């Protein structure tokens, strides 16, 4: 995966706006901030964040990982996924 600055610079250089990006959940607001900060102030970009709802069921990999954790003496305390929006994206 490209770093935000590299990807944004490439899009700007090639003038390929609008675009859609698929980024890891923990990076969404960093990408949004970086895109909005790096745009032309005379023609600002408003980056929109579109997310999917959290999963109703644990993902399939948990069925494989949980036994390995428990075999090593660990305990899985929770398998829920949470995505929180930061209070301040500045």
N, C-alpha and C. Protein backbone atom coordinates (compact mmCIF):
# COMPACT_ATOMS: atom_id res chain seq x y z
N UNK A 1 0.84 -1.17 0.00
CA UNK A 1 0.00 0.00 0.00
C UNK A 1 0.89 1.24 0.00
N UNK A 2 0.50 2.19 -0.80
CA UNK A 2 1.24 3.44 -0.87
C UNK A 2 1.03 4.25 0.40
N UNK A 3 2.01 5.02 0.72
CA UNK A 3 1.86 5.94 1.85
C UNK A 3 0.96 7.08 1.40
N UNK A 4 0.23 7.69 2.35
CA UNK A 4 -0.70 8.75 1.95
C UNK A 4 -0.04 9.85 1.12
N UNK A 5 1.09 10.36 1.54
CA UNK A 5 1.73 11.46 0.82
C UNK A 5 2.08 11.07 -0.62
N UNK A 6 2.59 9.86 -0.81
CA UNK A 6 2.96 9.39 -2.14
C UNK A 6 1.72 9.24 -3.02
N UNK A 7 0.69 8.63 -2.49
CA UNK A 7 -0.53 8.43 -3.27
C UNK A 7 -1.19 9.77 -3.60
N UNK A 8 -1.25 10.67 -2.66
CA UNK A 8 -1.89 11.96 -2.89
C UNK A 8 -1.09 12.77 -3.90
N UNK A 9 0.23 12.76 -3.78
CA UNK A 9 1.08 13.48 -4.74
C UNK A 9 0.90 12.91 -6.14
N UNK A 10 0.80 11.60 -6.25
CA UNK A 10 0.60 10.97 -7.57
C UNK A 10 -0.74 11.38 -8.17
N UNK A 11 -1.79 11.36 -7.38
CA UNK A 11 -3.10 11.77 -7.86
C UNK A 11 -3.09 13.23 -8.30
N UNK A 12 -2.43 14.06 -7.53
CA UNK A 12 -2.35 15.48 -7.85
C UNK A 12 -1.55 15.71 -9.13
N UNK A 13 -0.42 15.03 -9.25
CA UNK A 13 0.44 15.16 -10.42
C UNK A 13 -0.27 14.71 -11.69
N UNK A 14 -1.02 13.62 -11.60
CA UNK A 14 -1.73 13.09 -12.77
C UNK A 14 -3.10 13.74 -12.95
N UNK A 15 -3.49 14.60 -12.00
CA UNK A 15 -4.80 15.26 -12.01
C UNK A 15 -5.91 14.23 -12.17
N UNK A 16 -5.90 13.23 -11.28
CA UNK A 16 -6.86 12.13 -11.33
C UNK A 16 -7.87 12.20 -10.19
N UNK A 17 -8.43 13.37 -9.97
CA UNK A 17 -9.47 13.51 -8.97
C UNK A 17 -10.80 13.41 -9.67
N UNK A 18 -11.83 12.93 -9.17
CA UNK A 18 -12.08 12.31 -7.89
C UNK A 18 -11.58 10.86 -7.90
N UNK A 19 -11.36 10.34 -6.74
CA UNK A 19 -10.89 8.97 -6.62
C UNK A 19 -11.50 8.35 -5.37
N UNK A 20 -11.45 7.04 -5.34
CA UNK A 20 -11.89 6.30 -4.16
C UNK A 20 -10.71 5.50 -3.65
N UNK A 21 -10.55 5.45 -2.36
CA UNK A 21 -9.45 4.69 -1.77
C UNK A 21 -9.97 3.69 -0.76
N UNK A 22 -9.33 2.57 -0.69
CA UNK A 22 -9.66 1.54 0.28
C UNK A 22 -8.48 1.45 1.23
N UNK A 23 -8.64 1.98 2.42
CA UNK A 23 -7.53 2.05 3.37
C UNK A 23 -7.90 1.31 4.65
N UNK A 24 -6.89 0.87 5.41
CA UNK A 24 -7.19 0.20 6.68
C UNK A 24 -7.97 1.12 7.62
N UNK A 25 -8.84 0.52 8.41
CA UNK A 25 -9.69 1.29 9.30
C UNK A 25 -8.95 2.25 10.21
N UNK A 26 -7.77 1.88 10.67
CA UNK A 26 -7.04 2.75 11.58
C UNK A 26 -6.38 3.92 10.86
N UNK A 27 -6.40 3.93 9.52
CA UNK A 27 -5.75 5.00 8.75
C UNK A 27 -6.76 5.94 8.08
N UNK A 28 -8.04 5.68 8.19
CA UNK A 28 -9.05 6.44 7.45
C UNK A 28 -8.94 7.94 7.69
N UNK A 29 -8.89 8.34 8.94
CA UNK A 29 -8.91 9.77 9.23
C UNK A 29 -7.56 10.42 8.96
N UNK A 30 -6.47 9.67 8.99
CA UNK A 30 -5.18 10.22 8.57
C UNK A 30 -5.21 10.55 7.09
N UNK A 31 -5.73 9.62 6.28
CA UNK A 31 -5.84 9.88 4.84
C UNK A 31 -6.74 11.09 4.59
N UNK A 32 -7.86 11.15 5.27
CA UNK A 32 -8.77 12.28 5.08
C UNK A 32 -8.06 13.60 5.40
N UNK A 33 -7.38 13.65 6.53
CA UNK A 33 -6.65 14.85 6.92
C UNK A 33 -5.60 15.22 5.89
N UNK A 34 -4.80 14.22 5.47
CA UNK A 34 -3.72 14.49 4.52
C UNK A 34 -4.23 14.98 3.18
N UNK A 35 -5.32 14.40 2.70
CA UNK A 35 -5.89 14.84 1.42
C UNK A 35 -6.37 16.28 1.54
N UNK A 36 -7.10 16.58 2.59
CA UNK A 36 -7.64 17.94 2.75
C UNK A 36 -6.54 18.97 2.98
N UNK A 37 -5.48 18.60 3.66
CA UNK A 37 -4.38 19.54 3.92
C UNK A 37 -3.51 19.78 2.69
N UNK A 38 -3.42 18.80 1.81
CA UNK A 38 -2.49 18.93 0.68
C UNK A 38 -3.13 19.51 -0.57
N UNK A 39 -4.41 19.79 -0.54
CA UNK A 39 -5.08 20.29 -1.74
C UNK A 39 -4.81 21.78 -1.94
N UNK A 40 -5.14 22.24 -3.13
CA UNK A 40 -5.02 23.64 -3.47
C UNK A 40 -6.04 24.43 -2.65
N UNK A 41 -5.61 25.41 -1.86
CA UNK A 41 -6.56 26.16 -1.02
C UNK A 41 -7.62 26.91 -1.84
N UNK A 42 -7.30 27.24 -3.10
CA UNK A 42 -8.27 27.93 -3.95
C UNK A 42 -9.31 26.97 -4.52
N UNK A 43 -9.02 25.69 -4.49
CA UNK A 43 -9.93 24.66 -4.99
C UNK A 43 -9.92 23.50 -4.00
N UNK A 44 -10.46 23.72 -2.77
CA UNK A 44 -10.32 22.71 -1.71
C UNK A 44 -11.04 21.41 -2.03
N UNK A 45 -10.50 20.35 -1.47
CA UNK A 45 -11.07 19.01 -1.58
C UNK A 45 -11.71 18.68 -0.24
N UNK A 46 -12.92 18.18 -0.29
CA UNK A 46 -13.58 17.69 0.92
C UNK A 46 -13.60 16.17 0.81
N UNK A 47 -12.73 15.52 1.55
CA UNK A 47 -12.63 14.06 1.52
C UNK A 47 -13.78 13.47 2.33
N UNK A 48 -14.50 12.55 1.74
CA UNK A 48 -15.63 11.89 2.40
C UNK A 48 -15.19 10.51 2.87
N UNK A 49 -15.60 10.15 4.05
CA UNK A 49 -15.30 8.84 4.61
C UNK A 49 -16.57 7.99 4.52
N UNK A 50 -16.46 6.88 3.83
CA UNK A 50 -17.57 5.95 3.69
C UNK A 50 -17.13 4.66 4.36
N UNK A 51 -17.86 4.21 5.34
CA UNK A 51 -17.48 2.99 6.04
C UNK A 51 -18.59 1.97 5.93
N UNK A 52 -18.24 0.73 6.14
CA UNK A 52 -19.25 -0.31 6.17
C UNK A 52 -19.60 -0.59 7.62
N UNK A 53 -20.78 -1.12 7.86
CA UNK A 53 -21.13 -1.43 9.25
C UNK A 53 -20.21 -2.51 9.81
N UNK A 54 -20.09 -2.52 11.10
CA UNK A 54 -19.28 -3.56 11.72
C UNK A 54 -19.91 -4.92 11.46
N UNK A 55 -19.10 -5.93 11.53
CA UNK A 55 -19.56 -7.28 11.21
C UNK A 55 -20.51 -7.83 12.27
N UNK A 56 -21.56 -8.51 11.82
CA UNK A 56 -22.48 -9.16 12.76
C UNK A 56 -21.84 -10.40 13.38
N UNK A 57 -20.98 -11.05 12.62
CA UNK A 57 -20.31 -12.26 13.09
C UNK A 57 -18.80 -12.03 13.03
N UNK A 58 -18.05 -12.70 13.88
CA UNK A 58 -16.60 -12.58 13.80
C UNK A 58 -16.10 -13.05 12.44
N UNK A 59 -15.04 -12.44 11.92
CA UNK A 59 -14.51 -12.87 10.63
C UNK A 59 -13.97 -14.31 10.71
N UNK A 60 -13.87 -14.95 9.54
CA UNK A 60 -13.45 -16.34 9.47
C UNK A 60 -12.09 -16.63 10.08
N UNK A 61 -11.17 -15.66 10.03
CA UNK A 61 -9.83 -15.92 10.54
C UNK A 61 -9.82 -16.20 12.04
N UNK A 62 -10.85 -15.74 12.75
CA UNK A 62 -10.89 -15.98 14.20
C UNK A 62 -10.99 -17.48 14.48
N UNK A 63 -11.68 -18.21 13.61
CA UNK A 63 -11.79 -19.65 13.81
C UNK A 63 -10.42 -20.31 13.73
N UNK A 64 -9.50 -19.74 12.99
CA UNK A 64 -8.15 -20.29 12.88
C UNK A 64 -7.21 -19.77 13.97
N UNK A 65 -7.35 -18.51 14.30
CA UNK A 65 -6.44 -17.88 15.27
C UNK A 65 -6.77 -18.25 16.71
N UNK A 66 -8.06 -18.29 17.04
CA UNK A 66 -8.45 -18.59 18.42
C UNK A 66 -7.85 -19.89 18.93
N UNK A 67 -7.94 -21.02 18.18
CA UNK A 67 -7.34 -22.26 18.68
C UNK A 67 -5.82 -22.15 18.90
N UNK A 68 -5.15 -21.40 18.04
CA UNK A 68 -3.70 -21.23 18.21
C UNK A 68 -3.38 -20.43 19.47
N UNK A 69 -4.17 -19.40 19.74
CA UNK A 69 -3.96 -18.60 20.95
C UNK A 69 -4.22 -19.45 22.19
N UNK A 70 -5.32 -20.19 22.17
CA UNK A 70 -5.66 -21.02 23.33
C UNK A 70 -4.68 -22.16 23.51
N UNK A 71 -4.16 -22.73 22.41
CA UNK A 71 -3.17 -23.80 22.51
C UNK A 71 -1.87 -23.29 23.13
N UNK A 72 -1.60 -22.00 22.95
CA UNK A 72 -0.39 -21.40 23.52
C UNK A 72 -0.63 -20.91 24.95
N UNK A 73 -1.82 -21.18 25.49
CA UNK A 73 -2.11 -20.79 26.88
C UNK A 73 -2.79 -19.44 27.00
N UNK A 74 -3.12 -18.81 25.89
CA UNK A 74 -3.79 -17.51 25.93
C UNK A 74 -5.30 -17.65 26.01
N UNK A 75 -5.95 -16.55 26.27
CA UNK A 75 -7.40 -16.50 26.34
C UNK A 75 -7.91 -15.36 25.47
N UNK A 76 -8.86 -15.66 24.61
CA UNK A 76 -9.49 -14.62 23.79
C UNK A 76 -10.61 -14.02 24.62
N UNK A 77 -10.49 -12.76 24.94
CA UNK A 77 -11.47 -12.10 25.80
C UNK A 77 -12.64 -11.52 25.02
N UNK A 78 -12.38 -11.13 23.77
CA UNK A 78 -13.42 -10.46 23.01
C UNK A 78 -13.11 -10.59 21.52
N UNK A 79 -14.16 -10.69 20.71
CA UNK A 79 -13.95 -10.77 19.26
C UNK A 79 -14.78 -9.73 18.52
N UNK A 80 -15.23 -8.72 19.22
CA UNK A 80 -16.02 -7.68 18.57
C UNK A 80 -15.11 -6.66 17.92
N UNK A 81 -15.60 -6.05 16.85
CA UNK A 81 -14.85 -5.03 16.14
C UNK A 81 -15.49 -3.68 16.42
N UNK A 82 -14.67 -2.73 16.74
CA UNK A 82 -15.18 -1.37 16.98
C UNK A 82 -14.41 -0.40 16.11
N UNK A 83 -15.13 0.53 15.54
CA UNK A 83 -14.48 1.60 14.78
C UNK A 83 -15.00 2.91 15.35
N UNK A 84 -14.13 3.68 15.93
CA UNK A 84 -14.54 4.93 16.55
C UNK A 84 -14.05 6.10 15.72
N UNK A 85 -14.88 7.09 15.57
CA UNK A 85 -14.46 8.32 14.91
C UNK A 85 -13.77 9.19 15.94
N UNK A 86 -12.64 9.77 15.57
CA UNK A 86 -11.96 10.62 16.56
C UNK A 86 -12.77 11.87 16.86
N UNK A 87 -12.58 12.39 18.05
CA UNK A 87 -13.27 13.61 18.43
C UNK A 87 -12.81 14.79 17.57
N UNK A 88 -11.52 14.83 17.30
CA UNK A 88 -10.94 15.93 16.54
C UNK A 88 -10.08 15.34 15.43
N UNK A 89 -10.37 15.66 14.18
CA UNK A 89 -9.60 15.12 13.07
C UNK A 89 -8.52 16.08 12.59
N UNK A 90 -8.27 17.13 13.36
CA UNK A 90 -7.25 18.11 12.95
C UNK A 90 -5.87 17.65 13.28
